[in-house]
Amino acid sequence: VGLKVVRDGQEIGHVARVDHLPAQDLLAIQTSDKEVLLPFVK
């Protein structure tokens, strides 16, 4: 939580929280205008 999220060398947001679900964990990434849930897989 709070780590910067980088895509293609550019910061696009930060980790708002980690959702622990039965199938896999999801990273809730807060961008400048929305929240995106991203599967936490390699």
Full PDB file with SEQRES, HELIX, SHEET, SSBOND, CRYST1, ORIGX, SCALE, CONECT and MASTER records, all heavy atoms in Angstrom:
SEQRES   1 A   42  VAL GLY LEU LYS VAL VAL ARG ASP GLY GLN GLU ILE GLY          
SEQRES   2 A   42  HIS VAL ALA ARG VAL ASP HIS LEU PRO ALA GLN ASP LEU          
SEQRES   3 A   42  LEU ALA ILE GLN THR SER ASP LYS GLU VAL LEU LEU PRO          
SEQRES   4 A   42  PHE VAL LYS                                                  
SHEET    1 AA1 4 LYS A   4  ARG A   7  0                                        
SHEET    2 AA1 4 GLN A  10  HIS A  20 -1                                        
SHEET    3 AA1 4 ASP A  25  GLN A  30 -1                                        
SHEET    4 AA1 4 GLU A  35  PRO A  39 -1                                        
CRYST1    1.000    1.000    1.000  90.00  90.00  90.00 P 1           1          
ORIGX1      1.000000  0.000000  0.000000        0.00000                         
ORIGX2      0.000000  1.000000  0.000000        0.00000                         
ORIGX3      0.000000  0.000000  1.000000        0.00000                         
SCALE1      1.000000  0.000000  0.000000        0.00000                         
SCALE2      0.000000  1.000000  0.000000        0.00000                         
SCALE3      0.000000  0.000000  1.000000        0.00000                         
ATOM      1  N   VAL A   1       0.842  -1.199   0.000  1.00  0.00           N  
ATOM      2  CA  VAL A   1       0.000   0.000   0.000  1.00  0.00           C  
ATOM      3  C   VAL A   1       0.873   1.244   0.000  1.00  0.00           C  
ATOM      4  O   VAL A   1       1.802   1.378   0.791  1.00  0.00           O  
ATOM      5  CB  VAL A   1      -0.964  -0.003   1.212  1.00  0.00           C  
ATOM      6  CG1 VAL A   1      -1.728   1.308   1.300  1.00  0.00           C  
ATOM      7  CG2 VAL A   1      -1.925  -1.174   1.105  1.00  0.00           C  
ATOM      8  N   GLY A   2       0.581   2.140  -0.939  1.00  0.00           N  
ATOM      9  CA  GLY A   2       1.325   3.389  -1.048  1.00  0.00           C  
ATOM     10  C   GLY A   2       2.459   3.352  -2.058  1.00  0.00           C  
ATOM     11  O   GLY A   2       3.005   4.395  -2.417  1.00  0.00           O  
ATOM     12  N   LEU A   3       2.827   2.143  -2.536  1.00  0.00           N  
ATOM     13  CA  LEU A   3       3.919   2.067  -3.507  1.00  0.00           C  
ATOM     14  C   LEU A   3       3.505   2.691  -4.834  1.00  0.00           C  
ATOM     15  O   LEU A   3       2.352   2.614  -5.247  1.00  0.00           O  
ATOM     16  CB  LEU A   3       4.332   0.608  -3.751  1.00  0.00           C  
ATOM     17  CG  LEU A   3       4.911  -0.171  -2.575  1.00  0.00           C  
ATOM     18  CD1 LEU A   3       5.394  -1.539  -3.047  1.00  0.00           C  
ATOM     19  CD2 LEU A   3       6.034   0.581  -1.910  1.00  0.00           C  
ATOM     20  N   LYS A   4       4.465   3.342  -5.503  1.00  0.00           N  
ATOM     21  CA  LYS A   4       4.221   3.928  -6.813  1.00  0.00           C  
ATOM     22  C   LYS A   4       4.069   2.809  -7.839  1.00  0.00           C  
ATOM     23  O   LYS A   4       4.801   1.821  -7.794  1.00  0.00           O  
ATOM     24  CB  LYS A   4       5.382   4.828  -7.238  1.00  0.00           C  
ATOM     25  CG  LYS A   4       5.557   6.058  -6.388  1.00  0.00           C  
ATOM     26  CD  LYS A   4       6.691   6.907  -6.909  1.00  0.00           C  
ATOM     27  CE  LYS A   4       8.005   6.224  -6.555  1.00  0.00           C  
ATOM     28  NZ  LYS A   4       9.183   7.042  -6.872  1.00  0.00           N  
ATOM     29  N   VAL A   5       3.143   2.989  -8.769  1.00  0.00           N  
ATOM     30  CA  VAL A   5       2.925   2.018  -9.834  1.00  0.00           C  
ATOM     31  C   VAL A   5       3.482   2.608 -11.124  1.00  0.00           C  
ATOM     32  O   VAL A   5       3.104   3.702 -11.532  1.00  0.00           O  
ATOM     33  CB  VAL A   5       1.431   1.683  -9.987  1.00  0.00           C  
ATOM     34  CG1 VAL A   5       1.218   0.708 -11.131  1.00  0.00           C  
ATOM     35  CG2 VAL A   5       0.897   1.095  -8.682  1.00  0.00           C  
ATOM     36  N   VAL A   6       4.409   1.858 -11.757  1.00  0.00           N  
ATOM     37  CA  VAL A   6       5.105   2.337 -12.954  1.00  0.00           C  
ATOM     38  C   VAL A   6       4.767   1.440 -14.136  1.00  0.00           C  
ATOM     39  O   VAL A   6       4.828   0.215 -14.034  1.00  0.00           O  
ATOM     40  CB  VAL A   6       6.634   2.354 -12.722  1.00  0.00           C  
ATOM     41  CG1 VAL A   6       7.375   2.787 -13.968  1.00  0.00           C  
ATOM     42  CG2 VAL A   6       6.982   3.249 -11.542  1.00  0.00           C  
ATOM     43  N   ARG A   7       4.420   2.089 -15.249  1.00  0.00           N  
ATOM     44  CA  ARG A   7       4.119   1.372 -16.497  1.00  0.00           C  
ATOM     45  C   ARG A   7       4.887   2.058 -17.621  1.00  0.00           C  
ATOM     46  O   ARG A   7       4.788   3.271 -17.781  1.00  0.00           O  
ATOM     47  CB  ARG A   7       2.628   1.440 -16.784  1.00  0.00           C  
ATOM     48  CG  ARG A   7       2.249   0.814 -18.103  1.00  0.00           C  
ATOM     49  CD  ARG A   7       0.787   1.013 -18.352  1.00  0.00           C  
ATOM     50  NE  ARG A   7       0.402   0.391 -19.595  1.00  0.00           N  
ATOM     51  CZ  ARG A   7      -0.757   0.595 -20.181  1.00  0.00           C  
ATOM     52  NH1 ARG A   7      -1.645   1.396 -19.631  1.00  0.00           N  
ATOM     53  NH2 ARG A   7      -1.034   0.005 -21.316  1.00  0.00           N  
ATOM     54  N   ASP A   8       5.644   1.288 -18.376  1.00  0.00           N  
ATOM     55  CA  ASP A   8       6.438   1.833 -19.489  1.00  0.00           C  
ATOM     56  C   ASP A   8       7.306   3.006 -19.041  1.00  0.00           C  
ATOM     57  O   ASP A   8       7.437   4.003 -19.745  1.00  0.00           O  
ATOM     58  CB  ASP A   8       5.527   2.259 -20.648  1.00  0.00           C  
ATOM     59  CG  ASP A   8       4.744   1.100 -21.243  1.00  0.00           C  
ATOM     60  OD1 ASP A   8       5.280  -0.040 -21.233  1.00  0.00           O  
ATOM     61  OD2 ASP A   8       3.612   1.312 -21.710  1.00  0.00           O  
ATOM     62  N   GLY A   9       7.877   2.914 -17.837  1.00  0.00           N  
ATOM     63  CA  GLY A   9       8.777   3.941 -17.329  1.00  0.00           C  
ATOM     64  C   GLY A   9       8.112   5.172 -16.758  1.00  0.00           C  
ATOM     65  O   GLY A   9       8.785   6.089 -16.304  1.00  0.00           O  
ATOM     66  N   GLN A  10       6.762   5.212 -16.741  1.00  0.00           N  
ATOM     67  CA  GLN A  10       6.048   6.373 -16.221  1.00  0.00           C  
ATOM     68  C   GLN A  10       5.182   5.982 -15.034  1.00  0.00           C  
ATOM     69  O   GLN A  10       4.522   4.943 -15.056  1.00  0.00           O  
ATOM     70  CB  GLN A  10       5.163   6.988 -17.303  1.00  0.00           C  
ATOM     71  CG  GLN A  10       5.936   7.579 -18.454  1.00  0.00           C  
ATOM     72  CD  GLN A  10       5.018   8.304 -19.419  1.00  0.00           C  
ATOM     73  OE1 GLN A  10       3.843   8.523 -19.156  1.00  0.00           O  
ATOM     74  NE2 GLN A  10       5.561   8.685 -20.560  1.00  0.00           N  
ATOM     75  N   GLU A  11       5.180   6.832 -14.017  1.00  0.00           N  
ATOM     76  CA  GLU A  11       4.333   6.589 -12.860  1.00  0.00           C  
ATOM     77  C   GLU A  11       2.885   6.865 -13.246  1.00  0.00           C  
ATOM     78  O   GLU A  11       2.566   7.930 -13.785  1.00  0.00           O  
ATOM     79  CB  GLU A  11       4.747   7.495 -11.700  1.00  0.00           C  
ATOM     80  CG  GLU A  11       3.947   7.244 -10.448  1.00  0.00           C  
ATOM     81  CD  GLU A  11       4.353   8.121  -9.287  1.00  0.00           C  
ATOM     82  OE1 GLU A  11       5.472   8.683  -9.307  1.00  0.00           O  
ATOM     83  OE2 GLU A  11       3.552   8.255  -8.353  1.00  0.00           O  
ATOM     84  N   ILE A  12       2.011   5.895 -12.990  1.00  0.00           N  
ATOM     85  CA  ILE A  12       0.601   6.065 -13.351  1.00  0.00           C  
ATOM     86  C   ILE A  12      -0.325   6.125 -12.143  1.00  0.00           C  
ATOM     87  O   ILE A  12      -1.506   6.412 -12.282  1.00  0.00           O  
ATOM     88  CB  ILE A  12       0.129   4.955 -14.300  1.00  0.00           C  
ATOM     89  CG1 ILE A  12       0.263   3.590 -13.631  1.00  0.00           C  
ATOM     90  CG2 ILE A  12       0.860   4.996 -15.614  1.00  0.00           C  
ATOM     91  CD1 ILE A  12      -0.518   2.513 -14.333  1.00  0.00           C  
ATOM     92  N   GLY A  13       0.209   5.864 -10.956  1.00  0.00           N  
ATOM     93  CA  GLY A  13      -0.618   5.904  -9.764  1.00  0.00           C  
ATOM     94  C   GLY A  13       0.082   5.257  -8.591  1.00  0.00           C  
ATOM     95  O   GLY A  13       1.307   5.143  -8.569  1.00  0.00           O  
ATOM     96  N   HIS A  14      -0.723   4.819  -7.620  1.00  0.00           N  
ATOM     97  CA  HIS A  14      -0.171   4.152  -6.433  1.00  0.00           C  
ATOM     98  C   HIS A  14      -1.127   3.050  -5.984  1.00  0.00           C  
ATOM     99  O   HIS A  14      -2.299   3.049  -6.350  1.00  0.00           O  
ATOM    100  CB  HIS A  14       0.067   5.163  -5.303  1.00  0.00           C  
ATOM    101  CG  HIS A  14      -1.210   5.711  -4.726  1.00  0.00           C  
ATOM    102  ND1 HIS A  14      -1.879   6.772  -5.283  1.00  0.00           N  
ATOM    103  CD2 HIS A  14      -1.949   5.306  -3.668  1.00  0.00           C  
ATOM    104  CE1 HIS A  14      -2.969   7.026  -4.572  1.00  0.00           C  
ATOM    105  NE2 HIS A  14      -3.037   6.147  -3.593  1.00  0.00           N  
ATOM    106  N   VAL A  15      -0.589   2.133  -5.198  1.00  0.00           N  
ATOM    107  CA  VAL A  15      -1.400   1.038  -4.665  1.00  0.00           C  
ATOM    108  C   VAL A  15      -2.230   1.579  -3.509  1.00  0.00           C  
ATOM    109  O   VAL A  15      -1.690   2.061  -2.513  1.00  0.00           O  
ATOM    110  CB  VAL A  15      -0.520  -0.136  -4.194  1.00  0.00           C  
ATOM    111  CG1 VAL A  15      -1.390  -1.235  -3.576  1.00  0.00           C  
ATOM    112  CG2 VAL A  15       0.314  -0.683  -5.335  1.00  0.00           C  
ATOM    113  N   ALA A  16      -3.557   1.522  -3.671  1.00  0.00           N  
ATOM    114  CA  ALA A  16      -4.459   2.000  -2.631  1.00  0.00           C  
ATOM    115  C   ALA A  16      -4.722   0.914  -1.586  1.00  0.00           C  
ATOM    116  O   ALA A  16      -4.844   1.191  -0.397  1.00  0.00           O  
ATOM    117  CB  ALA A  16      -5.775   2.457  -3.252  1.00  0.00           C  
ATOM    118  N   ARG A  17      -4.818  -0.330  -2.071  1.00  0.00           N  
ATOM    119  CA  ARG A  17      -5.053  -1.460  -1.157  1.00  0.00           C  
ATOM    120  C   ARG A  17      -4.802  -2.760  -1.910  1.00  0.00           C  
ATOM    121  O   ARG A  17      -4.665  -2.761  -3.126  1.00  0.00           O  
ATOM    122  CB  ARG A  17      -6.463  -1.438  -0.577  1.00  0.00           C  
ATOM    123  CG  ARG A  17      -7.540  -1.698  -1.588  1.00  0.00           C  
ATOM    124  CD  ARG A  17      -8.950  -1.679  -0.960  1.00  0.00           C  
ATOM    125  NE  ARG A  17      -9.901  -2.137  -1.957  1.00  0.00           N  
ATOM    126  CZ  ARG A  17     -10.360  -1.397  -2.959  1.00  0.00           C  
ATOM    127  NH1 ARG A  17      -9.967  -0.143  -3.086  1.00  0.00           N  
ATOM    128  NH2 ARG A  17     -11.210  -1.904  -3.835  1.00  0.00           N  
ATOM    129  N   VAL A  18      -4.776  -3.856  -1.180  1.00  0.00           N  
ATOM    130  CA  VAL A  18      -4.658  -5.185  -1.771  1.00  0.00           C  
ATOM    131  C   VAL A  18      -5.904  -5.963  -1.351  1.00  0.00           C  
ATOM    132  O   VAL A  18      -6.194  -6.074  -0.156  1.00  0.00           O  
ATOM    133  CB  VAL A  18      -3.384  -5.916  -1.294  1.00  0.00           C  
ATOM    134  CG1 VAL A  18      -3.304  -7.307  -1.907  1.00  0.00           C  
ATOM    135  CG2 VAL A  18      -2.138  -5.107  -1.637  1.00  0.00           C  
ATOM    136  N   ASP A  19      -6.658  -6.446  -2.345  1.00  0.00           N  
ATOM    137  CA  ASP A  19      -7.846  -7.252  -2.065  1.00  0.00           C  
ATOM    138  C   ASP A  19      -7.457  -8.723  -2.151  1.00  0.00           C  
ATOM    139  O   ASP A  19      -6.945  -9.169  -3.176  1.00  0.00           O  
ATOM    140  CB  ASP A  19      -8.952  -6.956  -3.080  1.00  0.00           C  
ATOM    141  CG  ASP A  19      -9.508  -5.545  -2.943  1.00  0.00           C  
ATOM    142  OD1 ASP A  19      -9.319  -4.923  -1.876  1.00  0.00           O  
ATOM    143  OD2 ASP A  19     -10.149  -5.074  -3.898  1.00  0.00           O  
ATOM    144  N   HIS A  20      -7.698  -9.457  -1.079  1.00  0.00           N  
ATOM    145  CA  HIS A  20      -7.367 -10.883  -1.033  1.00  0.00           C  
ATOM    146  C   HIS A  20      -8.616 -11.686  -1.378  1.00  0.00           C  
ATOM    147  O   HIS A  20      -9.555 -11.749  -0.592  1.00  0.00           O  
ATOM    148  CB  HIS A  20      -6.839 -11.271   0.348  1.00  0.00           C  
ATOM    149  CG  HIS A  20      -5.629 -10.489   0.746  1.00  0.00           C  
ATOM    150  ND1 HIS A  20      -4.381 -10.738   0.229  1.00  0.00           N  
ATOM    151  CD2 HIS A  20      -5.485  -9.439   1.594  1.00  0.00           C  
ATOM    152  CE1 HIS A  20      -3.512  -9.885   0.743  1.00  0.00           C  
ATOM    153  NE2 HIS A  20      -4.161  -9.088   1.569  1.00  0.00           N  
ATOM    154  N   LEU A  21      -8.626 -12.271  -2.574  1.00  0.00           N  
ATOM    155  CA  LEU A  21      -9.763 -13.060  -3.030  1.00  0.00           C  
ATOM    156  C   LEU A  21      -9.367 -14.536  -3.101  1.00  0.00           C  
ATOM    157  O   LEU A  21      -8.172 -14.854  -3.133  1.00  0.00           O  
ATOM    158  CB  LEU A  21     -10.216 -12.563  -4.404  1.00  0.00           C  
ATOM    159  CG  LEU A  21     -10.621 -11.086  -4.465  1.00  0.00           C  
ATOM    160  CD1 LEU A  21     -11.001 -10.691  -5.877  1.00  0.00           C  
ATOM    161  CD2 LEU A  21     -11.775 -10.812  -3.516  1.00  0.00           C  
ATOM    162  N   PRO A  22     -10.343 -15.438  -3.146  1.00  0.00           N  
ATOM    163  CA  PRO A  22     -10.012 -16.866  -3.179  1.00  0.00           C  
ATOM    164  C   PRO A  22      -9.122 -17.276  -4.360  1.00  0.00           C  
ATOM    165  O   PRO A  22      -8.205 -18.066  -4.201  1.00  0.00           O  
ATOM    166  CB  PRO A  22     -11.379 -17.541  -3.275  1.00  0.00           C  
ATOM    167  CG  PRO A  22     -12.327 -16.558  -2.703  1.00  0.00           C  
ATOM    168  CD  PRO A  22     -11.779 -15.210  -3.060  1.00  0.00           C  
ATOM    169  N   ALA A  23      -9.379 -16.738  -5.538  1.00  0.00           N  
ATOM    170  CA  ALA A  23      -8.624 -17.149  -6.726  1.00  0.00           C  
ATOM    171  C   ALA A  23      -7.245 -16.505  -6.787  1.00  0.00           C  
ATOM    172  O   ALA A  23      -6.264 -17.150  -7.148  1.00  0.00           O  
ATOM    173  CB  ALA A  23      -9.404 -16.817  -7.992  1.00  0.00           C  
ATOM    174  N   GLN A  24      -7.181 -15.206  -6.474  1.00  0.00           N  
ATOM    175  CA  GLN A  24      -5.907 -14.474  -6.523  1.00  0.00           C  
ATOM    176  C   GLN A  24      -6.082 -13.137  -5.837  1.00  0.00           C  
ATOM    177  O   GLN A  24      -7.194 -12.686  -5.606  1.00  0.00           O  
ATOM    178  CB  GLN A  24      -5.470 -14.255  -7.964  1.00  0.00           C  
ATOM    179  CG  GLN A  24      -6.406 -13.366  -8.755  1.00  0.00           C  
ATOM    180  CD  GLN A  24      -6.130 -13.400 -10.240  1.00  0.00           C  
ATOM    181  OE1 GLN A  24      -5.412 -14.250 -10.715  1.00  0.00           O  
ATOM    182  NE2 GLN A  24      -6.705 -12.491 -10.975  1.00  0.00           N  
ATOM    183  N   ASP A  25      -4.972 -12.509  -5.517  1.00  0.00           N  
ATOM    184  CA  ASP A  25      -5.010 -11.171  -4.936  1.00  0.00           C  
ATOM    185  C   ASP A  25      -5.145 -10.149  -6.051  1.00  0.00           C  
ATOM    186  O   ASP A  25      -4.680 -10.352  -7.178  1.00  0.00           O  
ATOM    187  CB  ASP A  25      -3.739 -10.887  -4.143  1.00  0.00           C  
ATOM    188  CG  ASP A  25      -3.624 -11.748  -2.897  1.00  0.00           C  
ATOM    189  OD1 ASP A  25      -4.651 -12.292  -2.450  1.00  0.00           O  
ATOM    190  OD2 ASP A  25      -2.511 -11.873  -2.377  1.00  0.00           O  
ATOM    191  N   LEU A  26      -5.797  -9.031  -5.734  1.00  0.00           N  
ATOM    192  CA  LEU A  26      -5.921  -7.924  -6.671  1.00  0.00           C  
ATOM    193  C   LEU A  26      -5.293  -6.685  -6.066  1.00  0.00           C  
ATOM    194  O   LEU A  26      -5.475  -6.410  -4.879  1.00  0.00           O  
ATOM    195  CB  LEU A  26      -7.398  -7.626  -6.971  1.00  0.00           C  
ATOM    196  CG  LEU A  26      -8.215  -8.682  -7.684  1.00  0.00           C  
ATOM    197  CD1 LEU A  26      -9.676  -8.242  -7.780  1.00  0.00           C  
ATOM    198  CD2 LEU A  26      -7.661  -8.938  -9.076  1.00  0.00           C  
ATOM    199  N   LEU A  27      -4.557  -5.936  -6.885  1.00  0.00           N  
ATOM    200  CA  LEU A  27      -4.035  -4.647  -6.455  1.00  0.00           C  
ATOM    201  C   LEU A  27      -5.048  -3.585  -6.871  1.00  0.00           C  
ATOM    202  O   LEU A  27      -5.436  -3.521  -8.041  1.00  0.00           O  
ATOM    203  CB  LEU A  27      -2.694  -4.347  -7.128  1.00  0.00           C  
ATOM    204  CG  LEU A  27      -1.540  -5.281  -6.814  1.00  0.00           C  
ATOM    205  CD1 LEU A  27      -0.306  -4.859  -7.613  1.00  0.00           C  
ATOM    206  CD2 LEU A  27      -1.224  -5.279  -5.334  1.00  0.00           C  
ATOM    207  N   ALA A  28      -5.477  -2.771  -5.926  1.00  0.00           N  
ATOM    208  CA  ALA A  28      -6.342  -1.636  -6.241  1.00  0.00           C  
ATOM    209  C   ALA A  28      -5.414  -0.460  -6.495  1.00  0.00           C  
ATOM    210  O   ALA A  28      -4.763   0.038  -5.583  1.00  0.00           O  
ATOM    211  CB  ALA A  28      -7.298  -1.347  -5.095  1.00  0.00           C  
ATOM    212  N   ILE A  29      -5.332  -0.043  -7.764  1.00  0.00           N  
ATOM    213  CA  ILE A  29      -4.409   1.015  -8.151  1.00  0.00           C  
ATOM    214  C   ILE A  29      -5.195   2.297  -8.378  1.00  0.00           C  
ATOM    215  O   ILE A  29      -6.122   2.337  -9.199  1.00  0.00           O  
ATOM    216  CB  ILE A  29      -3.628   0.622  -9.416  1.00  0.00           C  
ATOM    217  CG1 ILE A  29      -2.810  -0.631  -9.103  1.00  0.00           C  
ATOM    218  CG2 ILE A  29      -2.740   1.774  -9.883  1.00  0.00           C  
ATOM    219  CD1 ILE A  29      -2.113  -1.227 -10.284  1.00  0.00           C  
ATOM    220  N   GLN A  30      -4.822   3.336  -7.639  1.00  0.00           N  
ATOM    221  CA  GLN A  30      -5.466   4.630  -7.779  1.00  0.00           C  
ATOM    222  C   GLN A  30      -4.679   5.471  -8.764  1.00  0.00           C  
ATOM    223  O   GLN A  30      -3.510   5.760  -8.545  1.00  0.00           O  
ATOM    224  CB  GLN A  30      -5.543   5.346  -6.422  1.00  0.00           C  
ATOM    225  CG  GLN A  30      -6.277   6.661  -6.473  1.00  0.00           C  
ATOM    226  CD  GLN A  30      -7.744   6.475  -6.861  1.00  0.00           C  
ATOM    227  OE1 GLN A  30      -8.459   5.666  -6.276  1.00  0.00           O  
ATOM    228  NE2 GLN A  30      -8.187   7.225  -7.853  1.00  0.00           N  
ATOM    229  N   THR A  31      -5.322   5.824  -9.894  1.00  0.00           N  
ATOM    230  CA  THR A  31      -4.707   6.710 -10.877  1.00  0.00           C  
ATOM    231  C   THR A  31      -5.224   8.115 -10.591  1.00  0.00           C  
ATOM    232  O   THR A  31      -5.932   8.335  -9.610  1.00  0.00           O  
ATOM    233  CB  THR A  31      -5.048   6.283 -12.318  1.00  0.00           C  
ATOM    234  OG1 THR A  31      -6.446   6.460 -12.539  1.00  0.00           O  
ATOM    235  CG2 THR A  31      -4.659   4.831 -12.573  1.00  0.00           C  
ATOM    236  N   SER A  32      -4.926   9.048 -11.461  1.00  0.00           N  
ATOM    237  CA  SER A  32      -5.375  10.418 -11.235  1.00  0.00           C  
ATOM    238  C   SER A  32      -6.888  10.568 -11.309  1.00  0.00           C  
ATOM    239  O   SER A  32      -7.449  11.470 -10.703  1.00  0.00           O  
ATOM    240  CB  SER A  32      -4.715  11.360 -12.242  1.00  0.00           C  
ATOM    241  OG  SER A  32      -5.076  10.987 -13.561  1.00  0.00           O  
ATOM    242  N   ASP A  33      -7.561   9.656 -12.029  1.00  0.00           N  
ATOM    243  CA  ASP A  33      -9.007   9.829 -12.187  1.00  0.00           C  
ATOM    244  C   ASP A  33      -9.868   8.616 -11.852  1.00  0.00           C  
ATOM    245  O   ASP A  33     -11.087   8.704 -11.880  1.00  0.00           O  
ATOM    246  CB  ASP A  33      -9.314  10.284 -13.614  1.00  0.00           C  
ATOM    247  CG  ASP A  33      -8.877   9.278 -14.666  1.00  0.00           C  
ATOM    248  OD1 ASP A  33      -8.075   8.396 -14.350  1.00  0.00           O  
ATOM    249  OD2 ASP A  33      -9.340   9.388 -15.813  1.00  0.00           O  
ATOM    250  N   LYS A  34      -9.261   7.464 -11.549  1.00  0.00           N  
ATOM    251  CA  LYS A  34     -10.072   6.291 -11.244  1.00  0.00           C  
ATOM    252  C   LYS A  34      -9.261   5.247 -10.488  1.00  0.00           C  
ATOM    253  O   LYS A  34      -8.051   5.368 -10.342  1.00  0.00           O  
ATOM    254  CB  LYS A  34     -10.644   5.675 -12.515  1.00  0.00           C  
ATOM    255  CG  LYS A  34      -9.584   5.126 -13.475  1.00  0.00           C  
ATOM    256  CD  LYS A  34     -10.230   4.580 -14.731  1.00  0.00           C  
ATOM    257  CE  LYS A  34      -9.177   4.137 -15.719  1.00  0.00           C  
ATOM    258  NZ  LYS A  34      -9.767   3.573 -16.920  1.00  0.00           N  
ATOM    259  N   GLU A  35      -9.972   4.220 -10.023  1.00  0.00           N  
ATOM    260  CA  GLU A  35      -9.325   3.080  -9.383  1.00  0.00           C  
ATOM    261  C   GLU A  35      -9.433   1.887 -10.324  1.00  0.00           C  
ATOM    262  O   GLU A  35     -10.490   1.628 -10.897  1.00  0.00           O  
ATOM    263  CB  GLU A  35     -10.008   2.764  -8.058  1.00  0.00           C  
ATOM    264  CG  GLU A  35      -9.353   1.611  -7.321  1.00  0.00           C  
ATOM    265  CD  GLU A  35     -10.027   1.322  -6.003  1.00  0.00           C  
ATOM    266  OE1 GLU A  35      -9.625   1.936  -4.999  1.00  0.00           O  
ATOM    267  OE2 GLU A  35     -10.961   0.506  -5.988  1.00  0.00           O  
ATOM    268  N   VAL A  36      -8.326   1.164 -10.492  1.00  0.00           N  
ATOM    269  CA  VAL A  36      -8.286  -0.002 -11.370  1.00  0.00           C  
ATOM    270  C   VAL A  36      -7.858  -1.204 -10.540  1.00  0.00           C  
ATOM    271  O   VAL A  36      -6.899  -1.122  -9.774  1.00  0.00           O  
ATOM    272  CB  VAL A  36      -7.284   0.215 -12.529  1.00  0.00           C  
ATOM    273  CG1 VAL A  36      -7.194  -1.022 -13.397  1.00  0.00           C  
ATOM    274  CG2 VAL A  36      -7.678   1.433 -13.356  1.00  0.00           C  
ATOM    275  N   LEU A  37      -8.576  -2.309 -10.693  1.00  0.00           N  
ATOM    276  CA  LEU A  37      -8.208  -3.552 -10.015  1.00  0.00           C  
ATOM    277  C   LEU A  37      -7.347  -4.372 -10.961  1.00  0.00           C  
ATOM    278  O   LEU A  37      -7.744  -4.660 -12.086  1.00  0.00           O  
ATOM    279  CB  LEU A  37      -9.451  -4.332  -9.604  1.00  0.00           C  
ATOM    280  CG  LEU A  37     -10.325  -3.650  -8.559  1.00  0.00           C  
ATOM    281  CD1 LEU A  37     -11.573  -4.476  -8.295  1.00  0.00           C  
ATOM    282  CD2 LEU A  37      -9.566  -3.396  -7.275  1.00  0.00           C  
ATOM    283  N   LEU A  38      -6.164  -4.740 -10.484  1.00  0.00           N  
ATOM    284  CA  LEU A  38      -5.192  -5.441 -11.312  1.00  0.00           C  
ATOM    285  C   LEU A  38      -4.837  -6.772 -10.661  1.00  0.00           C  
ATOM    286  O   LEU A  38      -4.441  -6.808  -9.487  1.00  0.00           O  
ATOM    287  CB  LEU A  38      -3.928  -4.578 -11.439  1.00  0.00           C  
ATOM    288  CG  LEU A  38      -2.843  -5.083 -12.360  1.00  0.00           C  
ATOM    289  CD1 LEU A  38      -3.279  -4.927 -13.820  1.00  0.00           C  
ATOM    290  CD2 LEU A  38      -1.563  -4.287 -12.152  1.00  0.00           C  
ATOM    291  N   PRO A  39      -4.984  -7.889 -11.387  1.00  0.00           N  
ATOM    292  CA  PRO A  39      -4.581  -9.176 -10.818  1.00  0.00           C  
ATOM    293  C   PRO A  39      -3.099  -9.152 -10.429  1.00  0.00           C  
ATOM    294  O   PRO A  39      -2.253  -8.706 -11.198  1.00  0.00           O  
ATOM    295  CB  PRO A  39      -4.825 -10.165 -11.961  1.00  0.00           C  
ATOM    296  CG  PRO A  39      -5.839  -9.504 -12.832  1.00  0.00           C  
ATOM    297  CD  PRO A  39      -5.531  -8.033 -12.748  1.00  0.00           C  
ATOM    298  N   PHE A  40      -2.809  -9.596  -9.228  1.00  0.00           N  
ATOM    299  CA  PHE A  40      -1.432  -9.600  -8.721  1.00  0.00           C  
ATOM    300  C   PHE A  40      -0.785 -10.921  -9.108  1.00  0.00           C  
ATOM    301  O   PHE A  40      -0.639 -11.838  -8.301  1.00  0.00           O  
ATOM    302  CB  PHE A  40      -1.448  -9.384  -7.211  1.00  0.00           C  
ATOM    303  CG  PHE A  40      -0.092  -9.131  -6.615  1.00  0.00           C  
ATOM    304  CD1 PHE A  40       0.918  -8.533  -7.340  1.00  0.00           C  
ATOM    305  CD2 PHE A  40       0.165  -9.474  -5.303  1.00  0.00           C  
ATOM    306  CE1 PHE A  40       2.173  -8.293  -6.788  1.00  0.00           C  
ATOM    307  CE2 PHE A  40       1.411  -9.233  -4.724  1.00  0.00           C  
ATOM    308  CZ  PHE A  40       2.404  -8.645  -5.477  1.00  0.00           C  
ATOM    309  N   VAL A  41      -0.423 -11.017 -10.403  1.00  0.00           N  
ATOM    310  CA  VAL A  41       0.230 -12.207 -10.948  1.00  0.00           C  
ATOM    311  C   VAL A  41       1.516 -11.785 -11.649  1.00  0.00           C  
ATOM    312  O   VAL A  41       1.637 -10.660 -12.138  1.00  0.00           O  
ATOM    313  CB  VAL A  41      -0.691 -12.967 -11.930  1.00  0.00           C  
ATOM    314  CG1 VAL A  41      -1.903 -13.538 -11.206  1.00  0.00           C  
ATOM    315  CG2 VAL A  41      -1.126 -12.096 -13.089  1.00  0.00           C  
ATOM    316  N   LYS A  42       2.482 -12.686 -11.700  1.00  0.00           N  
ATOM    317  CA  LYS A  42       3.814 -12.391 -12.249  1.00  0.00           C  
ATOM    318  C   LYS A  42       3.771 -11.866 -13.687  1.00  0.00           C  
ATOM    319  O   LYS A  42       4.550 -10.995 -14.057  1.00  0.00           O  
ATOM    320  CB  LYS A  42       4.678 -13.650 -12.171  1.00  0.00           C  
ATOM    321  CG  LYS A  42       6.111 -13.452 -12.573  1.00  0.00           C  
ATOM    322  CD  LYS A  42       6.907 -12.829 -11.461  1.00  0.00           C  
ATOM    323  CE  LYS A  42       8.389 -12.843 -11.797  1.00  0.00           C  
ATOM    324  NZ  LYS A  42       9.143 -12.001 -10.903  1.00  0.00           N  
TER     325      LYS A  42                                                      
MASTER        0    0    0    0    4    0    0    6  324    1    0    4          
END                                                                             
